Structure formats: C-alpha cells, structure tokens
Amino acid sequence: NLKVTLSDGNTYGIKEFRGNECWWNEGQPFSADIAIMILDRPVPNAVEGKHYVKMWNAEEMGSVQGKEFILAGWGASGAVREDGDESHLRYEIFHRGYNVVNEISDNMLLYTFDRPANGGLDLEAMGHYGDSGSGALLMENGEMYIIGVKSNGGPAQWDTDHQYTRVGGYHHDWVEANKNSLNQRIVAPNCGASGGSG
C-alpha cells in the first residue's frame, strides 16, 4: 500500500509501477532504468508546474546537448572536500543546483561536476545518493521541461562525470503511450523483451 503526497498536500495511492523493459538488467540495450508511477486516481484540476511538467521531445525540439539544466532532490548534499570524504554530507534537505549536458550517449545525459575555477556554474551541482528518481529540468522559452531522471552516478568529487536517464529521446514515446493508457501497460518497443515486471 504505497502512497505519495504531492506538492499540494494531497496523498494518492500508487496503483502500479511500470518499468521500461529495455533496461540492460533484463538483457536489453539501455544502461539505466526508468519507470512510470500510476496513481490510484486522477489529480483533479492538475496544474502545470505544480503537479507536473512537460516532457522534452527531442524529435520536435532538438537536442539538449550544451543546455543548462536544473537538478533538485532530497539526497546527499554539502560541501565538496578535496580528500573525497563524504561523511559530512546531509540527507533529507531539499536542494537544487545547475549543470550543463555535455553529451548524449544512447539513453543517458552525461554531465561533469566542474570546479568553479574550471568553468563550473554558480551553484554547480550533481545528483547523488538519495536523489534517484528526481528530475533534470530545463527552462526553455519560459516553460519548464523534464529532460532526464536520476538513476545512477559517481562520487561527490570535482571533475567527475555523472548521468541522468534521458526521457526526451528514446523513452518519450513509451512514456506518452503509457500516460494515455492508464488501465493497460504499453510495452516498450524494439527491445526484444516480452513484458518485464511492473
């Protein structure tokens, strides 16, 4: 009986999780997982920016490579130490920061945690332990889009590379198909899987 409380304070039951069948753990091509959470009922009068954000569509809107994005979450946060020690990091404090998509590789958005002296942004950040499932968000022409979901990453050290699972490319059509089919799972195409677990 899992539940989730949205930003408006209302609590919803989780009816189903739909994992993407193309994740490599099932012998498929993608190196990181992505899933959709189906709530037990619609969100009444859902408001963009409060209950949901639009999903980037790379086919129509182009690549996000080179674009600055927002990352936020409740995972580990704190100052970066030169010795790599992470024992001081704190959890369950909401934080956000910024980074730039350096490269797109298959279904992954790749970025680097740059030092300020090496061109890092003001409030340069990276996703870390506890941030899994949070979004990489991009502002474009005054509108916010989700471009990725945190799935894995490296240590909290300068000059390390990190990733978000890309939602606006390979996974766009699968997510849209499942959004429009709340009572029946739509299987991810072209990955050779027969269904996978929900």
C-alpha atoms as a PDB file:
ATOM      1  CA  ASN A   1       0.000   0.000   0.000  1.00  0.00           C
ATOM      2  CA  LEU A   2       2.478   2.616  -1.161  1.00  0.00           C
ATOM      3  CA  LYS A   3       1.378   6.231  -1.172  1.00  0.00           C
ATOM      4  CA  VAL A   4       2.754   9.536  -2.399  1.00  0.00           C
ATOM      5  CA  THR A   5       1.993  13.070  -1.254  1.00  0.00           C
ATOM      6  CA  LEU A   6       2.102  15.697  -3.987  1.00  0.00           C
ATOM      7  CA  SER A   7       3.189  19.310  -3.604  1.00  0.00           C
ATOM      8  CA  ASP A   8      -0.398  20.413  -2.981  1.00  0.00           C
ATOM      9  CA  GLY A   9      -0.524  18.257   0.172  1.00  0.00           C
ATOM     10  CA  ASN A  10      -2.910  15.617  -1.215  1.00  0.00           C
ATOM     11  CA  THR A  11      -1.993  11.947  -0.797  1.00  0.00           C
ATOM     12  CA  TYR A  12      -2.572   9.351  -3.519  1.00  0.00           C
ATOM     13  CA  GLY A  13      -2.205   5.605  -3.579  1.00  0.00           C
ATOM     14  CA  ILE A  14       0.185   4.060  -6.088  1.00  0.00           C
ATOM     15  CA  LYS A  15      -1.740   1.684  -8.310  1.00  0.00           C
ATOM     16  CA  GLU A  16       1.193   0.405 -10.368  1.00  0.00           C
ATOM     17  CA  PHE A  17       4.843   0.885 -11.293  1.00  0.00           C
ATOM     18  CA  ARG A  18       5.673   0.335 -14.966  1.00  0.00           C
ATOM     19  CA  GLY A  19       9.349  -0.263 -15.562  1.00  0.00           C
ATOM     20  CA  ASN A  20      10.801   0.098 -19.039  1.00  0.00           C
ATOM     21  CA  GLU A  21      11.551  -3.342 -20.478  1.00  0.00           C
ATOM     22  CA  CYS A  22      14.646  -2.158 -22.335  1.00  0.00           C
ATOM     23  CA  TRP A  23      16.783  -1.803 -19.194  1.00  0.00           C
ATOM     24  CA  TRP A  24      20.063  -3.746 -19.533  1.00  0.00           C
ATOM     25  CA  ASN A  25      19.395  -5.735 -16.329  1.00  0.00           C
ATOM     26  CA  GLU A  26      16.924  -7.748 -18.394  1.00  0.00           C
ATOM     27  CA  GLY A  27      19.468  -8.279 -21.177  1.00  0.00           C
ATOM     28  CA  GLN A  28      18.350  -5.201 -23.073  1.00  0.00           C
ATOM     29  CA  PRO A  29      20.257  -2.248 -24.550  1.00  0.00           C
ATOM     30  CA  PHE A  30      19.822   0.594 -22.058  1.00  0.00           C
ATOM     31  CA  SER A  31      22.238   1.113 -19.187  1.00  0.00           C
ATOM     32  CA  ALA A  32      19.862   2.718 -16.677  1.00  0.00           C
ATOM     33  CA  ASP A  33      16.301   2.105 -15.640  1.00  0.00           C
ATOM     34  CA  ILE A  34      13.237   4.282 -15.905  1.00  0.00           C
ATOM     35  CA  ALA A  35       9.741   3.692 -14.586  1.00  0.00           C
ATOM     36  CA  ILE A  36       6.320   5.308 -14.536  1.00  0.00           C
ATOM     37  CA  MET A  37       4.218   5.502 -11.398  1.00  0.00           C
ATOM     38  CA  ILE A  38       0.450   5.176 -11.953  1.00  0.00           C
ATOM     39  CA  LEU A  39      -1.659   6.809  -9.210  1.00  0.00           C
ATOM     40  CA  ASP A  40      -4.910   5.313  -7.926  1.00  0.00           C
ATOM     41  CA  ARG A  41      -6.953   8.247  -9.228  1.00  0.00           C
ATOM     42  CA  PRO A  42      -6.546  11.330 -11.418  1.00  0.00           C
ATOM     43  CA  VAL A  43      -5.211  14.533  -9.885  1.00  0.00           C
ATOM     44  CA  PRO A  44      -8.173  16.942 -10.032  1.00  0.00           C
ATOM     45  CA  ASN A  45      -7.510  20.266 -11.727  1.00  0.00           C
ATOM     46  CA  ALA A  46      -3.846  19.370 -12.267  1.00  0.00           C
ATOM     47  CA  VAL A  47      -1.738  22.490 -12.758  1.00  0.00           C
ATOM     48  CA  GLU A  48       1.393  22.565 -14.894  1.00  0.00           C
ATOM     49  CA  GLY A  49       4.420  23.456 -12.782  1.00  0.00           C
ATOM     50  CA  LYS A  50       2.720  22.330  -9.575  1.00  0.00           C
ATOM     51  CA  HIS A  51       1.571  18.779 -10.300  1.00  0.00           C
ATOM     52  CA  TYR A  52       3.559  18.031 -13.450  1.00  0.00           C
ATOM     53  CA  VAL A  53       5.962  19.451 -16.013  1.00  0.00           C
ATOM     54  CA  LYS A  54       6.057  18.884 -19.745  1.00  0.00           C
ATOM     55  CA  MET A  55       8.413  16.272 -21.152  1.00  0.00           C
ATOM     56  CA  TRP A  56      11.070  17.374 -23.643  1.00  0.00           C
ATOM     57  CA  ASN A  57      10.526  15.947 -27.120  1.00  0.00           C
ATOM     58  CA  ALA A  58      13.906  15.730 -28.848  1.00  0.00           C
ATOM     59  CA  GLU A  59      12.348  14.847 -32.198  1.00  0.00           C
ATOM     60  CA  GLU A  60      10.379  18.093 -32.298  1.00  0.00           C
ATOM     61  CA  MET A  61      12.507  20.373 -30.079  1.00  0.00           C
ATOM     62  CA  GLY A  62      16.054  19.264 -30.855  1.00  0.00           C
ATOM     63  CA  SER A  63      18.934  18.130 -28.699  1.00  0.00           C
ATOM     64  CA  VAL A  64      19.539  19.253 -25.115  1.00  0.00           C
ATOM     65  CA  GLN A  65      23.298  18.854 -25.529  1.00  0.00           C
ATOM     66  CA  GLY A  66      25.040  22.046 -24.391  1.00  0.00           C
ATOM     67  CA  LYS A  67      21.991  23.274 -22.479  1.00  0.00           C
ATOM     68  CA  GLU A  68      21.971  24.265 -18.816  1.00  0.00           C
ATOM     69  CA  PHE A  69      19.579  22.298 -16.623  1.00  0.00           C
ATOM     70  CA  ILE A  70      18.272  22.373 -13.052  1.00  0.00           C
ATOM     71  CA  LEU A  71      18.734  19.406 -10.756  1.00  0.00           C
ATOM     72  CA  ALA A  72      16.994  19.108  -7.421  1.00  0.00           C
ATOM     73  CA  GLY A  73      16.310  16.471  -4.823  1.00  0.00           C
ATOM     74  CA  TRP A  74      16.345  15.302  -1.226  1.00  0.00           C
ATOM     75  CA  GLY A  75      19.574  13.293  -1.446  1.00  0.00           C
ATOM     76  CA  ALA A  76      23.045  13.869  -0.034  1.00  0.00           C
ATOM     77  CA  SER A  77      24.194  17.491  -0.002  1.00  0.00           C
ATOM     78  CA  GLY A  78      27.077  19.502   1.391  1.00  0.00           C
ATOM     79  CA  ALA A  79      30.454  20.994   0.567  1.00  0.00           C
ATOM     80  CA  VAL A  80      32.840  19.062  -1.684  1.00  0.00           C
ATOM     81  CA  ARG A  81      36.037  18.048   0.106  1.00  0.00           C
ATOM     82  CA  GLU A  82      39.321  17.712  -1.720  1.00  0.00           C
ATOM     83  CA  ASP A  83      40.096  14.405   0.043  1.00  0.00           C
ATOM     84  CA  GLY A  84      36.849  12.888  -1.296  1.00  0.00           C
ATOM     85  CA  ASP A  85      35.418  12.288   2.174  1.00  0.00           C
ATOM     86  CA  GLU A  86      31.596  12.250   2.161  1.00  0.00           C
ATOM     87  CA  SER A  87      30.931  11.533   5.838  1.00  0.00           C
ATOM     88  CA  HIS A  88      29.722  15.104   6.430  1.00  0.00           C
ATOM     89  CA  LEU A  89      27.027  15.035   3.739  1.00  0.00           C
ATOM     90  CA  ARG A  90      23.482  15.570   4.985  1.00  0.00           C
ATOM     91  CA  TYR A  91      20.297  13.934   3.781  1.00  0.00           C
ATOM     92  CA  GLU A  92      16.621  14.882   3.611  1.00  0.00           C
ATOM     93  CA  ILE A  93      17.320  18.546   2.954  1.00  0.00           C
ATOM     94  CA  PHE A  94      15.790  19.753  -0.306  1.00  0.00           C
ATOM     95  CA  HIS A  95      18.458  21.281  -2.536  1.00  0.00           C
ATOM     96  CA  ARG A  96      18.903  22.358  -6.124  1.00  0.00           C
ATOM     97  CA  GLY A  97      21.679  23.429  -8.416  1.00  0.00           C
ATOM     98  CA  TYR A  98      22.682  23.648 -12.064  1.00  0.00           C
ATOM     99  CA  ASN A  99      24.804  21.880 -14.633  1.00  0.00           C
ATOM    100  CA  VAL A 100      25.171  21.514 -18.405  1.00  0.00           C
ATOM    101  CA  VAL A 101      24.513  18.471 -20.603  1.00  0.00           C
ATOM    102  CA  ASN A 102      27.919  17.687 -22.122  1.00  0.00           C
ATOM    103  CA  GLU A 103      26.953  14.699 -24.212  1.00  0.00           C
ATOM    104  CA  ILE A 104      24.119  12.311 -25.034  1.00  0.00           C
ATOM    105  CA  SER A 105      25.051   8.644 -25.169  1.00  0.00           C
ATOM    106  CA  ASP A 106      22.231   6.222 -26.035  1.00  0.00           C
ATOM    107  CA  ASN A 107      19.616   6.866 -23.346  1.00  0.00           C
ATOM    108  CA  MET A 108      21.910   8.801 -20.997  1.00  0.00           C
ATOM    109  CA  LEU A 109      22.502  12.534 -20.482  1.00  0.00           C
ATOM    110  CA  LEU A 110      26.133  12.983 -19.432  1.00  0.00           C
ATOM    111  CA  TYR A 111      27.474  15.943 -17.442  1.00  0.00           C
ATOM    112  CA  THR A 112      30.564  16.850 -15.405  1.00  0.00           C
ATOM    113  CA  PHE A 113      30.769  18.247 -11.867  1.00  0.00           C
ATOM    114  CA  ASP A 114      33.148  21.106 -12.745  1.00  0.00           C
ATOM    115  CA  ARG A 115      35.159  23.160 -10.274  1.00  0.00           C
ATOM    116  CA  PRO A 116      34.335  26.879 -10.277  1.00  0.00           C
ATOM    117  CA  ALA A 117      37.893  27.578 -11.474  1.00  0.00           C
ATOM    118  CA  ASN A 118      37.345  25.225 -14.448  1.00  0.00           C
ATOM    119  CA  GLY A 119      34.187  26.881 -15.713  1.00  0.00           C
ATOM    120  CA  GLY A 120      31.677  25.471 -13.232  1.00  0.00           C
ATOM    121  CA  LEU A 121      28.397  27.358 -12.938  1.00  0.00           C
ATOM    122  CA  ASP A 122      27.277  29.367  -9.944  1.00  0.00           C
ATOM    123  CA  LEU A 123      25.601  26.690  -7.796  1.00  0.00           C
ATOM    124  CA  GLU A 124      27.195  23.896  -9.879  1.00  0.00           C
ATOM    125  CA  ALA A 125      25.678  20.639  -8.646  1.00  0.00           C
ATOM    126  CA  MET A 126      25.396  16.917  -9.262  1.00  0.00           C
ATOM    127  CA  GLY A 127      22.787  14.309  -8.359  1.00  0.00           C
ATOM    128  CA  HIS A 128      23.905  11.963  -5.576  1.00  0.00           C
ATOM    129  CA  TYR A 129      22.728   9.262  -3.160  1.00  0.00           C
ATOM    130  CA  GLY A 130      19.060   9.753  -2.353  1.00  0.00           C
ATOM    131  CA  ASP A 131      18.338  11.804  -5.479  1.00  0.00           C
ATOM    132  CA  SER A 132      17.285   8.789  -7.580  1.00  0.00           C
ATOM    133  CA  GLY A 133      14.003   9.396  -9.329  1.00  0.00           C
ATOM    134  CA  SER A 134      14.352  13.177  -9.243  1.00  0.00           C
ATOM    135  CA  GLY A 135      14.250  15.132 -12.469  1.00  0.00           C
ATOM    136  CA  ALA A 136      16.686  17.064 -14.603  1.00  0.00           C
ATOM    137  CA  LEU A 137      14.666  20.133 -15.576  1.00  0.00           C
ATOM    138  CA  LEU A 138      15.247  22.618 -18.367  1.00  0.00           C
ATOM    139  CA  MET A 139      13.760  26.080 -18.844  1.00  0.00           C
ATOM    140  CA  GLU A 140      13.095  26.906 -22.488  1.00  0.00           C
ATOM    141  CA  ASN A 141      11.173  29.999 -23.652  1.00  0.00           C
ATOM    142  CA  GLY A 142       9.707  30.471 -20.183  1.00  0.00           C
ATOM    143  CA  GLU A 143       8.451  26.880 -19.868  1.00  0.00           C
ATOM    144  CA  MET A 144       9.862  24.061 -17.758  1.00  0.00           C
ATOM    145  CA  TYR A 145      10.515  20.598 -19.207  1.00  0.00           C
ATOM    146  CA  ILE A 146      11.790  17.372 -17.729  1.00  0.00           C
ATOM    147  CA  ILE A 147      14.721  16.037 -19.761  1.00  0.00           C
ATOM    148  CA  GLY A 148      16.024  13.262 -17.510  1.00  0.00           C
ATOM    149  CA  VAL A 149      15.538  11.173 -14.372  1.00  0.00           C
ATOM    150  CA  LYS A 150      18.306  10.409 -11.873  1.00  0.00           C
ATOM    151  CA  SER A 151      19.190   6.734 -11.929  1.00  0.00           C
ATOM    152  CA  ASN A 152      22.916   6.372 -11.156  1.00  0.00           C
ATOM    153  CA  GLY A 153      26.113   8.375 -10.777  1.00  0.00           C
ATOM    154  CA  GLY A 154      29.563   8.754  -9.310  1.00  0.00           C
ATOM    155  CA  PRO A 155      31.194  10.193  -6.197  1.00  0.00           C
ATOM    156  CA  ALA A 156      30.768  13.740  -4.875  1.00  0.00           C
ATOM    157  CA  GLN A 157      34.127  14.933  -6.182  1.00  0.00           C
ATOM    158  CA  TRP A 158      35.149  17.696  -8.556  1.00  0.00           C
ATOM    159  CA  ASP A 159      35.760  16.798 -12.211  1.00  0.00           C
ATOM    160  CA  THR A 160      33.715  13.583 -12.066  1.00  0.00           C
ATOM    161  CA  ASP A 161      31.197  12.543 -14.710  1.00  0.00           C
ATOM    162  CA  HIS A 162      27.548  11.821 -13.929  1.00  0.00           C
ATOM    163  CA  GLN A 163      24.369  10.805 -15.745  1.00  0.00           C
ATOM    164  CA  TYR A 164      20.621  11.152 -15.918  1.00  0.00           C
ATOM    165  CA  THR A 165      18.408   8.713 -17.817  1.00  0.00           C
ATOM    166  CA  ARG A 166      17.171  10.616 -20.868  1.00  0.00           C
ATOM    167  CA  VAL A 167      13.391  10.880 -21.161  1.00  0.00           C
ATOM    168  CA  GLY A 168      13.039  13.183 -24.163  1.00  0.00           C
ATOM    169  CA  GLY A 169      14.578  10.842 -26.731  1.00  0.00           C
ATOM    170  CA  TYR A 170      14.356   7.058 -26.613  1.00  0.00           C
ATOM    171  CA  HIS A 171      11.762   6.961 -23.845  1.00  0.00           C
ATOM    172  CA  HIS A 172       9.488   9.793 -24.982  1.00  0.00           C
ATOM    173  CA  ASP A 173       7.027   7.721 -27.000  1.00  0.00           C
ATOM    174  CA  TRP A 174       6.895   4.949 -24.366  1.00  0.00           C
ATOM    175  CA  VAL A 175       6.101   7.435 -21.588  1.00  0.00           C
ATOM    176  CA  GLU A 176       3.443   9.181 -23.699  1.00  0.00           C
ATOM    177  CA  ALA A 177       1.837   5.860 -24.690  1.00  0.00           C
ATOM    178  CA  ASN A 178       1.578   4.786 -21.042  1.00  0.00           C
ATOM    179  CA  LYS A 179       0.223   8.192 -19.959  1.00  0.00           C
ATOM    180  CA  ASN A 180      -2.581   7.650 -22.462  1.00  0.00           C
ATOM    181  CA  SER A 181      -3.228   4.049 -21.338  1.00  0.00           C
ATOM    182  CA  LEU A 182      -3.635   4.138 -17.570  1.00  0.00           C
ATOM    183  CA  ASN A 183      -5.519   0.820 -17.377  1.00  0.00           C
ATOM    184  CA  GLN A 184      -3.247  -1.211 -19.643  1.00  0.00           C
ATOM    185  CA  ARG A 185       0.538  -1.346 -19.728  1.00  0.00           C
ATOM    186  CA  ILE A 186       2.175  -0.449 -23.052  1.00  0.00           C
ATOM    187  CA  VAL A 187       5.346  -2.469 -23.608  1.00  0.00           C
ATOM    188  CA  ALA A 188       8.475  -0.622 -24.764  1.00  0.00           C
ATOM    189  CA  PRO A 189       9.027  -1.393 -28.463  1.00  0.00           C
ATOM    190  CA  ASN A 190      12.087  -2.767 -30.230  1.00  0.00           C
ATOM    191  CA  CYS A 191      13.999  -4.125 -27.261  1.00  0.00           C
ATOM    192  CA  GLY A 192      13.190  -7.812 -27.520  1.00  0.00           C
ATOM    193  CA  ALA A 193      11.506  -8.006 -24.124  1.00  0.00           C
ATOM    194  CA  SER A 194       8.111  -9.599 -23.606  1.00  0.00           C
ATOM    195  CA  GLY A 195       6.933  -7.515 -20.691  1.00  0.00           C
ATOM    196  CA  GLY A 196       9.071  -7.303 -17.574  1.00  0.00           C
ATOM    197  CA  SER A 197       7.878  -6.664 -14.074  1.00  0.00           C
ATOM    198  CA  GLY A 198       5.786  -3.628 -13.129  1.00  0.00           C
END
